[in-house]
Protein backbone atom coordinates (compact mmCIF):
# COMPACT_ATOMS: atom_id res chain seq x y z
CA MET A 1 -10.80 -69.48 31.03
CA SER A 2 -13.21 -72.19 30.08
CA GLU A 3 -14.77 -71.96 26.68
CA LYS A 4 -18.40 -70.89 26.57
CA VAL A 5 -20.95 -73.51 25.60
CA TYR A 6 -24.02 -72.53 23.50
CA TYR A 7 -27.38 -74.37 23.35
CA LYS A 8 -30.54 -74.12 21.28
CA TYR A 9 -34.06 -75.40 21.95
CA ASP A 10 -35.20 -78.42 19.87
CA GLU A 11 -39.00 -78.54 19.57
CA GLU A 12 -39.10 -82.17 18.38
CA THR A 13 -37.32 -83.52 21.46
CA ASP A 14 -38.57 -80.76 23.75
CA SER A 15 -35.04 -80.30 25.06
CA TYR A 16 -31.93 -78.08 24.70
CA VAL A 17 -29.25 -79.32 22.33
CA LYS A 18 -25.63 -78.26 22.53
CA ILE A 19 -24.39 -76.12 19.56
CA ASP A 20 -20.89 -76.65 18.34
CA ILE A 21 -19.68 -73.11 17.17
CA SER A 22 -16.13 -72.69 15.96
CA ARG A 23 -13.90 -69.96 17.42
CA ARG A 24 -13.47 -68.27 14.00
CA LYS A 25 -17.19 -68.02 13.51
CA ARG A 26 -17.70 -66.53 16.96
CA VAL A 27 -15.03 -63.88 16.21
CA TRP A 28 -16.66 -62.99 12.89
CA GLU A 29 -20.09 -62.68 14.54
CA THR A 30 -18.60 -60.31 17.10
CA VAL A 31 -16.81 -58.22 14.47
CA LYS A 32 -19.95 -58.04 12.35
CA ALA A 33 -21.98 -56.83 15.31
CA VAL A 34 -19.39 -54.14 16.06
CA LEU A 35 -19.36 -52.97 12.41
CA GLU A 36 -23.13 -52.79 12.32
CA VAL A 37 -23.23 -50.67 15.46
CA SER A 38 -20.39 -48.45 14.14
CA GLY A 39 -22.23 -47.94 10.83
CA VAL A 40 -25.38 -46.85 12.63
CA VAL A 41 -23.38 -44.43 14.79
CA MET A 42 -21.64 -42.94 11.72
CA LEU A 43 -24.95 -42.44 9.94
CA LEU A 44 -26.34 -40.70 12.99
CA CYS A 45 -23.29 -38.42 13.15
CA LEU A 46 -23.53 -37.53 9.47
CA GLY A 47 -27.20 -36.80 9.88
CA LEU A 48 -26.47 -34.52 12.80
CA TYR A 49 -23.76 -32.71 10.79
CA TYR A 50 -25.73 -32.18 7.60
CA TRP A 51 -29.29 -31.81 8.83
CA ILE A 52 -28.98 -30.49 12.35
CA ASP A 53 -26.94 -27.31 12.90
CA LEU A 54 -25.17 -27.37 16.19
CA PRO A 55 -25.08 -23.88 17.79
CA LYS A 56 -21.38 -23.27 17.07
CA GLU A 57 -21.58 -24.60 13.51
CA LYS A 58 -24.67 -22.51 12.82
CA LEU A 59 -22.87 -19.36 13.97
CA LEU A 60 -19.87 -20.19 11.78
CA ARG A 61 -22.04 -20.72 8.72
CA GLU A 62 -23.91 -17.47 9.30
CA GLU A 63 -20.61 -15.62 9.76
CA ASN A 64 -19.22 -17.11 6.53
CA GLU A 65 -22.32 -16.00 4.65
CA ARG A 66 -21.99 -12.46 6.01
CA LEU A 67 -18.32 -12.36 5.04
CA ARG A 68 -19.13 -13.56 1.52
CA ASN A 69 -21.77 -10.84 1.14
CA GLN A 70 -19.27 -8.23 2.32
CA VAL A 71 -16.64 -9.43 -0.16
CA GLU A 72 -19.22 -9.32 -2.96
CA ASP A 73 -20.07 -5.75 -1.92
CA VAL A 74 -16.37 -4.81 -2.01
CA GLU A 75 -16.12 -6.33 -5.49
CA SER A 76 -19.06 -4.22 -6.70
CA ARG A 77 -17.52 -1.05 -5.26
CA LEU A 78 -14.19 -1.86 -6.90
CA GLU A 79 -15.94 -2.24 -10.27
CA VAL A 80 -17.50 1.23 -9.85
CA ALA A 81 -14.14 2.73 -8.86
CA ILE A 82 -12.40 1.13 -11.85
CA THR A 83 -15.10 2.53 -14.18
CA VAL A 84 -14.53 6.01 -12.75
CA MET A 85 -10.77 5.66 -13.20
CA GLU A 86 -11.30 4.52 -16.80
CA ASP A 87 -13.32 7.71 -17.43
CA ILE A 88 -10.54 9.80 -15.89
CA ALA A 89 -7.93 8.01 -18.00
CA GLN A 90 -9.98 8.70 -21.14
CA ARG A 91 -10.27 12.37 -20.20
CA ASP A 92 -6.54 12.46 -19.49
CA ASN A 93 -5.61 11.03 -22.90
CA ASN A 94 -8.30 12.71 -25.00
CA PHE A 95 -8.26 16.16 -23.46
CA TYR A 96 -5.48 17.06 -21.04
CA ARG A 97 -2.71 15.45 -23.08
CA VAL A 98 -4.16 16.69 -26.36
CA MET A 99 -4.33 20.19 -24.90
CA MET A 100 -0.71 20.02 -23.75
CA GLN A 101 0.37 18.28 -26.97
CA ALA A 102 1.66 15.35 -24.95
CA ASP A 103 1.55 11.72 -26.05
CA PRO A 104 -1.33 9.69 -24.60
CA ILE A 105 -0.55 6.98 -22.08
CA THR A 106 -0.94 3.58 -23.74
CA ASP A 107 -2.60 0.67 -21.97
CA SER A 108 0.73 -1.17 -21.86
CA LYS A 109 2.21 1.72 -19.87
CA ARG A 110 -0.88 2.35 -17.78
CA TYR A 111 -1.02 -1.29 -16.63
CA ALA A 112 2.71 -2.05 -16.70
CA GLY A 113 3.73 -4.65 -14.14
CA LEU A 114 0.16 -5.73 -13.43
CA GLU A 115 -0.22 -9.51 -13.24
CA ARG A 116 -3.13 -11.73 -12.33
CA ASN A 117 -2.77 -13.43 -8.96
CA GLU A 118 -4.14 -16.97 -8.92
CA ALA A 119 -2.90 -17.88 -5.43
CA TYR A 120 -6.40 -17.90 -3.93
CA ARG A 121 -8.09 -20.21 -6.45
CA SER A 122 -7.77 -23.28 -4.21
CA MET A 123 -9.52 -21.59 -1.27
CA SER A 124 -13.18 -21.85 -0.44
CA ASP A 125 -14.86 -19.15 -2.60
CA GLY A 126 -11.47 -18.88 -4.30
CA ASP A 127 -12.86 -17.36 -7.52
CA LEU A 128 -14.51 -14.51 -5.62
CA VAL A 129 -11.45 -13.75 -3.51
CA THR A 130 -9.18 -13.92 -6.59
CA ASN A 131 -11.38 -11.50 -8.55
CA VAL A 132 -11.48 -9.00 -5.69
CA ASN A 133 -7.72 -9.20 -5.21
CA ASN A 134 -7.01 -8.67 -8.92
CA LYS A 135 -9.44 -5.75 -9.17
CA ALA A 136 -7.83 -4.12 -6.13
CA ASP A 137 -4.41 -4.51 -7.78
CA MET A 138 -5.75 -2.98 -11.00
CA LEU A 139 -7.29 0.00 -9.20
CA GLU A 140 -4.08 0.61 -7.25
CA ARG A 141 -2.07 0.59 -10.48
CA MET A 142 -4.51 2.91 -12.26
CA ILE A 143 -4.43 5.43 -9.40
CA TYR A 144 -0.62 5.38 -9.27
CA THR A 145 -0.30 5.92 -13.04
CA GLN A 146 -2.88 8.71 -13.01
CA ILE A 147 -1.15 10.56 -10.18
CA LYS A 148 2.13 10.43 -12.10
CA SER A 149 0.36 11.69 -15.23
CA PHE A 150 -1.24 14.62 -13.41
CA ASP A 151 2.13 15.54 -11.86
CA ALA A 152 3.64 15.69 -15.36
CA LEU A 153 0.71 17.70 -16.72
CA ARG A 154 0.96 20.19 -13.86
CA GLU A 155 4.57 20.88 -14.79
CA MET A 156 3.55 21.37 -18.45
CA ALA A 157 0.68 23.69 -17.48
CA SER A 158 2.96 25.96 -15.48
CA THR A 159 4.78 26.88 -18.69
CA GLN A 160 1.69 27.16 -20.96
CA GLN A 161 -0.56 29.79 -19.38
CA GLU A 162 -1.29 31.43 -22.73
CA ARG A 163 -2.52 28.14 -24.20
CA LEU A 164 -4.73 27.48 -21.17
CA ALA A 165 -6.42 30.87 -21.55
CA HIS A 166 -7.58 29.91 -25.05
CA ILE A 167 -8.67 26.30 -24.48
CA PRO A 168 -12.50 25.94 -24.11
CA SER A 169 -12.95 25.01 -20.45
CA ILE A 170 -16.33 26.22 -19.10
CA GLN A 171 -19.99 25.55 -19.84
CA PRO A 172 -21.52 27.90 -22.44
CA ILE A 173 -24.60 28.32 -20.24
CA SER A 174 -24.66 28.90 -16.49
CA SER A 175 -25.80 25.86 -14.50
CA LYS A 176 -28.56 27.89 -12.85
CA ASP A 177 -30.04 28.71 -16.29
CA MET A 178 -29.92 25.17 -17.66
CA LYS A 179 -33.16 23.18 -17.46
CA GLN A 180 -31.60 19.84 -18.31
CA MET A 181 -29.04 18.05 -20.45
CA ALA A 182 -31.15 17.36 -23.54
CA SER A 183 -28.60 15.27 -25.40
CA GLY A 184 -25.00 14.23 -25.10
CA TYR A 185 -22.26 13.52 -27.63
CA GLY A 186 -22.47 10.36 -29.75
CA TYR A 187 -24.98 8.37 -31.78
CA ARG A 188 -28.58 9.49 -31.26
CA VAL A 189 -31.94 9.26 -33.09
CA ASP A 190 -32.66 12.31 -35.28
CA PRO A 191 -35.86 13.96 -33.94
CA VAL A 192 -36.99 15.05 -37.44
CA TYR A 193 -36.00 12.17 -39.72
CA GLY A 194 -36.04 9.33 -37.18
CA THR A 195 -32.69 8.00 -38.40
CA THR A 196 -29.59 7.30 -36.29
CA LYS A 197 -26.87 9.90 -36.65
CA PHE A 198 -23.76 11.02 -34.83
CA HIS A 199 -24.46 14.02 -32.60
CA GLU A 200 -21.28 16.12 -32.70
CA GLY A 201 -21.99 18.26 -29.65
CA MET A 202 -24.17 18.66 -26.57
CA ASP A 203 -27.67 20.14 -26.33
CA PHE A 204 -28.44 22.35 -23.32
CA ALA A 205 -32.20 22.84 -22.88
CA SER A 206 -32.89 26.37 -21.66
CA ALA A 207 -35.43 29.17 -22.06
CA ILE A 208 -35.29 31.46 -25.08
CA GLY A 209 -33.20 34.51 -24.24
CA THR A 210 -30.87 32.73 -21.79
CA LYS A 211 -27.37 34.20 -21.99
CA VAL A 212 -24.65 32.25 -23.81
CA TYR A 213 -20.97 32.70 -22.89
CA CYS A 214 -17.69 32.22 -24.75
CA THR A 215 -15.81 29.23 -23.32
CA GLY A 216 -12.25 30.35 -24.08
CA ALA A 217 -10.28 33.32 -25.45
CA GLY A 218 -10.31 33.61 -29.24
CA THR A 219 -11.53 35.39 -32.37
CA VAL A 220 -15.05 35.20 -33.82
CA LEU A 221 -14.81 33.42 -37.18
CA SER A 222 -18.44 33.88 -38.17
CA ALA A 223 -21.66 35.17 -36.65
CA GLY A 224 -24.82 34.70 -38.67
CA TRP A 225 -27.26 32.27 -40.25
CA GLU A 226 -26.04 28.78 -41.13
CA SER A 227 -28.30 26.13 -42.68
CA GLY A 228 -29.41 23.60 -40.06
CA TYR A 229 -27.61 25.45 -37.25
CA GLY A 230 -29.85 28.53 -37.48
CA ASN A 231 -28.16 31.56 -35.93
CA LEU A 232 -24.59 30.37 -35.33
CA ILE A 233 -21.47 31.80 -33.70
CA GLU A 234 -18.14 30.11 -34.50
CA ILE A 235 -15.03 31.06 -32.50
CA ASP A 236 -11.40 30.20 -33.29
CA HIS A 237 -9.44 29.76 -30.05
CA GLY A 238 -6.11 28.97 -31.69
CA TYR A 239 -4.07 25.84 -30.99
CA GLY A 240 -6.43 23.95 -33.31
CA TYR A 241 -9.60 24.59 -31.24
CA VAL A 242 -12.92 25.92 -32.60
CA THR A 243 -16.26 26.15 -30.77
CA ARG A 244 -19.78 26.49 -32.21
CA TYR A 245 -22.92 27.93 -30.56
CA ALA A 246 -26.08 27.16 -32.58
CA HIS A 247 -29.86 27.85 -32.76
CA LEU A 248 -29.44 31.28 -31.12
CA SER A 249 -32.25 33.81 -30.88
CA LYS A 250 -29.77 36.68 -30.78
CA ILE A 251 -26.14 37.22 -31.78
CA ASP A 252 -24.19 39.95 -29.97
CA VAL A 253 -20.70 39.57 -31.51
CA ARG A 254 -19.37 40.11 -35.03
CA ALA A 255 -16.82 38.31 -37.19
CA GLY A 256 -13.24 39.31 -36.33
CA GLN A 257 -14.10 40.38 -32.77
CA LYS A 258 -11.72 39.33 -29.98
CA VAL A 259 -13.40 37.58 -27.03
CA LYS A 260 -12.30 36.18 -23.69
CA ARG A 261 -13.49 33.23 -21.65
CA GLY A 262 -16.75 34.14 -19.92
CA ASP A 263 -17.71 36.96 -22.33
CA TYR A 264 -21.41 37.21 -23.19
CA ILE A 265 -21.87 36.49 -26.94
CA GLY A 266 -25.57 35.76 -27.60
CA ARG A 267 -28.84 34.25 -26.38
CA VAL A 268 -30.47 30.80 -26.52
CA GLY A 269 -33.10 30.33 -29.22
CA ASN A 270 -34.96 27.85 -31.40
CA THR A 271 -33.72 28.71 -34.89
CA GLY A 272 -32.71 26.43 -37.75
CA LYS A 273 -33.36 22.67 -37.53
CA SER A 274 -34.51 22.62 -33.93
CA THR A 275 -37.41 21.02 -32.05
CA GLY A 276 -37.26 23.20 -28.94
CA SER A 277 -35.50 26.03 -27.18
CA HIS A 278 -31.89 24.98 -26.56
CA LEU A 279 -28.22 25.64 -27.26
CA HIS A 280 -26.28 23.21 -29.43
CA TYR A 281 -22.59 23.46 -28.43
CA GLU A 282 -19.61 21.89 -30.23
CA VAL A 283 -15.88 21.70 -29.58
CA ARG A 284 -13.59 20.80 -32.49
CA HIS A 285 -9.85 20.18 -32.47
CA ASN A 286 -8.07 20.26 -35.82
CA GLY A 287 -11.47 19.88 -37.45
CA VAL A 288 -12.41 16.74 -35.49
CA PRO A 289 -15.49 16.90 -33.18
CA GLN A 290 -14.62 16.37 -29.51
CA ASN A 291 -16.86 15.33 -26.63
CA PRO A 292 -17.63 18.69 -24.95
CA VAL A 293 -18.10 17.00 -21.58
CA HIS A 294 -14.29 16.88 -21.30
CA TYR A 295 -14.05 20.67 -21.62
CA TYR A 296 -15.65 21.97 -18.42
CA PHE A 297 -12.69 21.50 -16.10
CA GLN A 298 -12.69 25.13 -14.86
CA ASP A 299 -16.41 25.11 -14.22
CA LEU A 300 -17.21 21.89 -12.41
CA THR A 301 -16.12 20.09 -9.26
CA PRO A 302 -15.24 16.38 -9.63
CA GLU A 303 -18.69 15.52 -8.25
CA GLN A 304 -20.43 17.88 -10.70
CA TYR A 305 -18.32 16.50 -13.54
CA ALA A 306 -19.37 12.94 -12.68
CA ASP A 307 -23.02 14.06 -12.62
CA MET A 308 -22.55 15.76 -16.00
CA ILE A 309 -21.17 12.55 -17.55
CA ARG A 310 -24.11 10.53 -16.22
CA ALA A 311 -26.60 13.14 -17.48
CA ALA A 312 -24.98 13.30 -20.92
CA ASP A 313 -25.01 9.50 -21.26
CA ALA A 314 -28.64 9.26 -20.10
CA ALA A 315 -29.92 12.13 -22.24
CA ALA A 316 -30.92 10.55 -25.53
CA HIS A 317 -33.35 13.20 -26.82
CA VAL A 318 -31.65 15.18 -29.59
CA MET A 319 -33.25 18.57 -30.21
CA ASP A 320 -31.61 19.33 -33.60
């Protein structure tokens, strides 16, 4: 093939002059032109990818966003479930196992064999997927341990019917007669002095004259006036348990009297250091105040128990 000849127009001579272009230079000019065109095409493609959603890519991105939202929702639900299981574990250790004189389950036993799985870290949204996976593993382990604990407690309970009859295990006021949970167990602001103090029981707001019931079989230790408590009934249930019923308007038992769970013992009042009609109820084990919310297991369904815990935590108005 003959080599191409190139010319350019010369204005001075008003004629075309032959241009001597080397082969190497012609190749470079061709390559440069190809690179320039390729660069423009690549920029156009990138622009289409980043700024213009193609139908299929748009659907994929929307689907990924929906999946991420669903995984985040699952993570939130797992957190709630783990919180519930932690409450159950606390009740198990601080009430059921105390009642049965069994050793509490330590965290090392409760979470034995549980390890963090980091296999998903390298994935897209790896942190989210890893957290969900680890929380699911934790919840599974907690449920397994709790089932085993309840199985063991059931065997213990079958041989300790007498003990169970004496343990406080119902509300001292019927749910239908209770206006609201005025205050739960723990640190609260004193309504009279305005200082922070530890509230050793639960306050049940109810009308004066509402019946109060014994929460477990036992013997009345005292029934009369007690400074601060007003009219007070104190019952010894044996096995280290004592209950107190304060601010009563009427006392219908006497010291030394034997009582059973569910027996009527007095009526709600507003006596002693009290800012309104209510019953102040305490449970003590070996002299140490206990959270009464753990002692209604014969009275409440799991759903009612969960509602009671929420109400006790939210109720910050101490009435004594």
